[in-house]
Protein backbone atom coordinates (compact mmCIF):
# COMPACT_ATOMS: atom_id res chain seq x y z
CA MET A 1 11.64 -8.66 -12.01
CA ALA A 2 14.26 -5.86 -13.47
CA ASN A 3 16.21 -5.66 -10.39
CA GLU A 4 16.64 -9.02 -8.27
CA LYS A 5 17.71 -7.05 -5.21
CA GLN A 6 14.35 -5.30 -4.78
CA ALA A 7 12.81 -8.70 -5.00
CA GLU A 8 14.83 -10.25 -2.95
CA GLN A 9 14.27 -7.29 -0.01
CA MET A 10 10.96 -7.12 -0.79
CA ARG A 11 10.60 -11.01 -0.58
CA THR A 12 12.64 -11.60 2.58
CA ALA A 13 14.17 -8.34 4.21
CA GLY A 14 12.36 -7.56 7.88
CA GLY A 15 10.23 -4.54 7.51
CA PHE A 16 7.27 -2.63 5.96
CA ILE A 17 5.72 -1.08 3.48
CA ALA A 18 4.76 2.66 4.00
CA ALA A 19 1.34 3.98 2.12
CA LEU A 20 2.62 7.87 0.92
CA ASP A 21 -0.49 7.44 -2.12
CA GLN A 22 -3.07 9.44 -0.78
CA SER A 23 -5.19 10.62 -3.90
CA GLY A 24 -7.19 13.95 -4.86
CA GLY A 25 -9.81 12.75 -2.88
CA SER A 26 -7.92 11.88 0.52
CA THR A 27 -5.35 14.28 0.27
CA PRO A 28 -7.11 17.20 1.68
CA LYS A 29 -8.27 14.71 4.77
CA ALA A 30 -4.30 13.50 5.08
CA LEU A 31 -3.25 17.14 5.27
CA LYS A 32 -5.71 18.25 7.47
CA LEU A 33 -4.68 15.58 9.55
CA TYR A 34 -0.96 16.58 9.28
CA GLY A 35 -2.20 20.26 10.58
CA ILE A 36 -3.33 22.04 7.15
CA GLU A 37 -6.78 23.21 6.62
CA GLU A 38 -8.64 23.22 3.47
CA ASP A 39 -8.41 27.07 3.73
CA ALA A 40 -4.52 27.32 3.59
CA TYR A 41 -4.40 26.40 -0.29
CA ASP A 42 -6.03 27.42 -3.37
CA GLY A 43 -6.69 24.78 -5.48
CA GLU A 44 -5.02 21.15 -6.70
CA ALA A 45 -1.89 22.36 -7.53
CA GLU A 46 -0.82 24.30 -3.83
CA MET A 47 -3.09 20.97 -2.36
CA TYR A 48 -0.68 18.19 -4.29
CA SER A 49 2.31 20.67 -3.41
CA LEU A 50 2.30 20.23 0.23
CA ILE A 51 1.21 16.70 -0.07
CA HIS A 52 4.50 16.21 -2.18
CA GLU A 53 6.58 18.35 0.60
CA MET A 54 5.07 16.47 3.63
CA ARG A 55 5.87 13.25 1.84
CA ALA A 56 9.46 14.78 1.27
CA ARG A 57 10.23 15.08 4.61
CA ILE A 58 9.37 11.98 5.87
CA VAL A 59 11.33 10.39 3.31
CA LYS A 60 14.22 12.51 4.42
CA SER A 61 13.47 12.38 7.97
CA PRO A 62 16.59 9.63 9.72
CA ALA A 63 13.90 7.24 10.61
CA PHE A 64 12.56 6.26 7.01
CA SER A 65 15.53 3.82 5.69
CA GLY A 66 14.97 0.59 4.26
CA GLU A 67 16.09 -1.36 7.75
CA LYS A 68 12.82 -1.12 8.36
CA VAL A 69 11.42 0.71 6.07
CA ILE A 70 11.60 -2.12 2.89
CA GLY A 71 9.25 -0.57 0.39
CA ALA A 72 6.88 3.30 -0.43
CA ILE A 73 3.84 3.28 -2.20
CA LEU A 74 4.00 6.21 -3.63
CA PHE A 75 0.87 8.57 -5.58
CA GLU A 76 1.55 9.38 -9.56
CA ARG A 77 2.68 13.03 -8.84
CA THR A 78 4.64 12.14 -6.38
CA MET A 79 6.80 9.69 -8.73
CA ASP A 80 6.96 12.20 -11.21
CA GLY A 81 8.17 14.93 -8.94
CA ASP A 82 11.85 15.35 -7.04
CA ILE A 83 13.31 15.03 -4.24
CA ASP A 84 16.34 16.34 -3.33
CA GLY A 85 16.64 16.82 -6.87
CA LYS A 86 16.21 13.75 -7.48
CA PRO A 87 13.27 11.53 -9.31
CA SER A 88 11.46 10.43 -6.08
CA ALA A 89 11.55 6.25 -7.12
CA GLN A 90 15.40 7.05 -7.53
CA PHE A 91 16.43 8.93 -3.64
CA LEU A 92 13.95 6.44 -2.39
CA TRP A 93 15.49 3.43 -3.67
CA GLU A 94 19.40 5.15 -3.96
CA ASP A 95 19.62 7.21 -0.67
CA ARG A 96 17.19 6.04 1.38
CA GLY A 97 17.36 1.43 0.42
CA VAL A 98 13.37 1.44 0.08
CA VAL A 99 11.82 -0.16 -2.82
CA PRO A 100 9.63 2.06 -5.47
CA PHE A 101 5.79 0.79 -5.69
CA LEU A 102 2.97 3.29 -7.51
CA LYS A 103 -0.90 3.49 -6.93
CA VAL A 104 -2.22 2.34 -10.35
CA ASP A 105 -5.95 2.82 -9.58
CA LYS A 106 -8.35 5.64 -11.10
CA GLY A 107 -10.70 5.16 -7.67
CA LEU A 108 -13.61 3.11 -6.76
CA ALA A 109 -16.60 2.89 -9.11
CA ASP A 110 -20.54 2.50 -7.51
CA GLU A 111 -20.65 -0.04 -5.14
CA ALA A 112 -23.29 -2.72 -6.52
CA ASP A 113 -23.23 -6.47 -5.52
CA GLY A 114 -21.79 -5.62 -1.69
CA VAL A 115 -18.36 -3.69 -3.35
CA LYS A 116 -16.99 -1.45 -5.04
CA LEU A 117 -15.02 -2.26 -8.34
CA MET A 118 -12.05 -0.20 -9.89
CA LYS A 119 -12.96 2.46 -12.58
CA PRO A 120 -11.55 1.19 -15.55
CA MET A 121 -7.56 2.01 -16.24
CA PRO A 122 -7.92 2.75 -20.17
CA GLU A 123 -4.46 4.40 -19.86
CA LEU A 124 -2.94 1.72 -17.55
CA ASP A 125 -0.27 0.65 -20.49
CA ALA A 126 0.81 3.95 -20.60
CA LEU A 127 1.79 4.92 -16.61
CA LEU A 128 2.83 1.16 -16.30
CA GLU A 129 5.90 2.02 -18.96
CA LYS A 130 6.16 5.66 -18.02
CA ALA A 131 6.63 3.48 -13.92
CA VAL A 132 9.49 0.95 -15.86
CA SER A 133 11.18 4.72 -16.86
CA LYS A 134 11.13 5.89 -13.89
CA GLY A 135 12.70 2.63 -11.71
CA ILE A 136 9.40 1.89 -10.00
CA PHE A 137 9.51 -1.94 -8.87
CA GLY A 138 5.55 -3.04 -8.56
CA THR A 139 1.80 -0.95 -8.37
CA LYS A 140 -0.62 -1.15 -6.19
CA MET A 141 -4.11 -1.05 -7.22
CA ARG A 142 -7.65 -1.36 -4.08
CA SER A 143 -11.30 -2.31 -4.59
CA VAL A 144 -13.65 -2.63 -1.29
CA ILE A 145 -15.48 -5.11 0.19
CA ASP A 146 -18.54 -3.93 1.98
CA ALA A 147 -20.19 -6.93 2.37
CA ALA A 148 -20.11 -11.03 2.34
CA SER A 149 -21.31 -10.92 -1.51
CA PRO A 150 -20.33 -14.44 -3.01
CA SER A 151 -20.66 -13.10 -6.00
CA GLY A 152 -19.01 -9.55 -5.45
CA ILE A 153 -15.91 -10.66 -3.68
CA ALA A 154 -15.28 -12.99 -6.72
CA ALA A 155 -15.78 -10.33 -9.04
CA VAL A 156 -13.53 -8.14 -7.05
CA VAL A 157 -10.83 -10.65 -7.36
CA ALA A 158 -11.04 -11.51 -10.69
CA GLN A 159 -10.89 -7.90 -11.20
CA GLN A 160 -7.65 -7.37 -9.62
CA PHE A 161 -5.87 -10.91 -10.95
CA GLU A 162 -7.07 -9.59 -14.45
CA VAL A 163 -5.41 -6.21 -14.32
CA GLY A 164 -2.33 -8.15 -12.31
CA LYS A 165 -1.85 -10.41 -15.21
CA GLN A 166 -1.54 -6.80 -17.19
CA ILE A 167 1.11 -5.02 -14.84
CA LEU A 168 3.54 -8.43 -14.53
CA GLY A 169 3.53 -7.92 -18.68
CA HIS A 170 5.31 -4.85 -18.10
CA GLY A 171 7.70 -6.90 -15.38
CA LEU A 172 6.34 -5.12 -12.34
CA MET A 173 5.14 -6.90 -9.29
CA PRO A 174 1.23 -5.90 -8.73
CA ILE A 175 0.27 -5.23 -4.69
CA ILE A 176 -3.74 -6.69 -5.23
CA GLU A 177 -5.76 -5.25 -2.68
CA PRO A 178 -9.42 -6.19 -2.03
CA GLU A 179 -9.76 -4.40 1.33
CA VAL A 180 -12.87 -5.73 3.38
CA THR A 181 -13.95 -2.65 5.23
CA ILE A 182 -13.53 -2.82 8.99
CA SER A 183 -16.71 -1.47 10.01
CA ILE A 184 -19.16 -4.56 8.04
CA PRO A 185 -20.88 -6.79 10.73
CA ASP A 186 -20.10 -10.03 8.46
CA LYS A 187 -16.68 -8.99 8.39
CA SER A 188 -15.40 -12.36 9.33
CA GLU A 189 -17.96 -14.31 6.61
CA ALA A 190 -16.48 -11.76 3.83
CA GLU A 191 -12.63 -12.45 4.54
CA ILE A 192 -13.64 -16.72 4.46
CA ILE A 193 -14.83 -15.95 0.97
CA LEU A 194 -12.12 -13.84 0.12
CA LEU A 195 -9.58 -16.18 0.95
CA GLY A 196 -11.21 -19.18 -1.49
CA GLU A 197 -11.52 -16.35 -4.25
CA ILE A 198 -7.79 -15.45 -3.90
CA SER A 199 -6.58 -19.01 -3.63
CA LYS A 200 -8.98 -19.52 -6.50
CA GLN A 201 -6.85 -16.93 -8.16
CA LEU A 202 -3.57 -18.11 -8.06
CA ASP A 203 -4.01 -21.78 -8.80
CA LEU A 204 -4.46 -20.14 -12.46
CA LEU A 205 -1.19 -18.20 -12.49
CA PRO A 206 1.00 -19.26 -14.62
CA GLU A 207 4.01 -21.17 -12.98
CA GLY A 208 7.25 -18.92 -11.89
CA GLN A 209 4.99 -16.39 -11.95
CA GLU A 210 4.10 -14.36 -7.96
CA ILE A 211 2.00 -11.27 -6.77
CA MET A 212 1.91 -9.88 -3.52
CA LEU A 213 -1.44 -9.35 -2.03
CA LYS A 214 -2.51 -6.18 0.67
CA LEU A 215 -5.59 -7.10 3.22
CA THR A 216 -7.69 -6.41 5.32
CA LEU A 217 -5.70 -7.30 8.88
CA PRO A 218 -8.08 -10.22 10.09
CA GLU A 219 -11.06 -10.53 12.13
CA VAL A 220 -9.11 -14.63 12.77
CA ALA A 221 -5.86 -14.59 13.41
CA ASN A 222 -3.27 -16.42 10.60
CA HIS A 223 -6.08 -16.46 8.64
CA TYR A 224 -4.16 -16.08 5.87
CA LYS A 225 -1.57 -18.15 6.21
CA THR A 226 -2.16 -20.16 3.82
CA LEU A 227 -1.33 -17.27 0.83
CA VAL A 228 1.90 -16.12 3.15
CA ASP A 229 3.23 -19.47 2.21
CA HIS A 230 2.19 -19.69 -1.49
CA PRO A 231 4.63 -20.06 -3.75
CA LYS A 232 2.98 -17.53 -6.19
CA VAL A 233 3.45 -15.19 -3.40
CA MET A 234 5.58 -13.36 -2.84
CA ARG A 235 4.67 -11.41 0.19
CA VAL A 236 1.23 -10.43 2.15
CA VAL A 237 1.20 -6.53 3.99
CA ALA A 238 -1.71 -5.24 5.28
CA LEU A 239 -3.57 -2.05 5.48
CA SER A 240 -4.55 -0.47 8.47
CA GLY A 241 -7.78 0.26 7.08
CA GLY A 242 -9.16 3.19 9.55
CA TYR A 243 -7.99 0.94 12.45
CA SER A 244 -5.78 3.28 15.69
CA ARG A 245 -2.16 2.61 15.19
CA ASP A 246 -2.19 0.84 18.57
CA GLU A 247 -5.16 -1.60 17.16
CA ALA A 248 -3.13 -2.01 14.13
CA ASN A 249 0.00 -3.59 15.47
CA ARG A 250 -1.60 -5.45 17.85
CA ARG A 251 -3.70 -7.63 15.23
CA LEU A 252 -0.69 -8.01 12.83
CA SER A 253 1.29 -8.80 15.30
CA GLN A 254 -0.88 -11.61 15.72
CA ASN A 255 -0.19 -12.33 12.03
CA THR A 256 2.34 -14.83 11.27
CA GLY A 257 4.17 -13.58 7.69
CA VAL A 258 2.13 -10.88 7.39
CA ILE A 259 4.25 -7.26 7.23
CA ALA A 260 2.18 -3.85 7.57
CA SER A 261 1.08 -1.18 4.61
CA PHE A 262 -0.19 1.78 6.97
CA SER A 263 -0.61 4.88 5.47
CA ARG A 264 -2.65 6.80 8.00
CA ALA A 265 -1.43 5.06 10.98
CA LEU A 266 1.80 5.52 9.69
CA THR A 267 1.54 9.59 10.14
CA GLU A 268 -0.45 9.90 13.10
CA GLY A 269 0.23 12.32 15.32
CA LEU A 270 2.93 14.15 12.72
CA SER A 271 2.00 17.43 12.25
CA ALA A 272 3.38 20.63 9.83
CA GLN A 273 3.84 22.72 13.28
CA GLN A 274 6.41 20.35 14.58
CA ALA A 275 9.92 21.04 15.00
CA ASP A 276 12.43 18.61 12.40
CA SER A 277 13.68 16.98 15.82
CA ASP A 278 10.45 16.71 17.24
CA PHE A 279 8.55 15.29 14.02
CA ASP A 280 11.98 13.08 13.32
CA THR A 281 11.52 11.20 17.07
CA THR A 282 8.08 11.14 16.35
CA LEU A 283 8.09 9.89 13.05
CA ALA A 284 11.04 7.38 14.41
CA GLY A 285 8.67 6.36 17.21
CA THR A 286 6.19 5.38 14.54
CA VAL A 287 8.68 3.19 12.19
CA ASP A 288 9.44 1.45 15.10
CA SER A 289 6.10 0.30 16.87
CA ILE A 290 5.79 -1.15 12.95
CA HIS A 291 8.24 -2.19 12.16
CA ALA A 292 8.13 -4.87 15.73
CA ALA A 293 4.55 -5.62 14.81
CA SER A 294 5.58 -6.37 11.09
CA VAL A 295 8.34 -8.88 12.80
CA ALA A 296 6.87 -10.68 15.72
CA GLY A 297 5.43 -13.26 14.23
């Protein structure tokens, strides 16, 4: 890793990773939850400007610091923007003590064989070079598992690790995210298959290489404990996946060594209409609760 201090923070620090990486498809929903309706902006440029303002407000809040928020995942446009006159990644690390990551996937392909693979990323190398130049530590990419399909899940994990090796080649830390949809009836069966496929791919990684994993909170507590303890896994983090913050925190606290990487659950209760004092108080309570669940194990 280019920055050993950042690597050590990600490997050992108590706290969680904030997911501030809503992309084009999910931005209108994120803004609506924040109290900004679609008729309040005209076109993509205004929409992205508003979501950047929301993210900057979160990052600049006193509660958002490396004491409890050890990392943050950014959308590319956020990385390209500034916070208080500094490039976003630089501001996160230098001013807040938060390790910056970048969402690199370009969305999901249509469902096939019970899963949604990532769309092709022909410009990934160029994006990774830009990320390195901007001080990004690692990346995140998401696939989705909608059924306990052995062949589908194997394809998801194989694709994730293939792209992960490309990311490692640029000196960046990949967060591999094969999300299991929380509403599927065979979720626990899918998680058993997923654990097996990830374990196979980890065994194929060269000695000395590490990755991170971002996983749906499992039906059986500590289902992924072997991954938490694996020498080739820097950290296992959990997505909230549509669970309420209280439910996500409850499940998280039962999984030893797993920390949060929540998106919607992090911004729950925040509003563009709140005075800064109310906004900061709400965010501080959220950060405290997610931090407590992350260090409970």
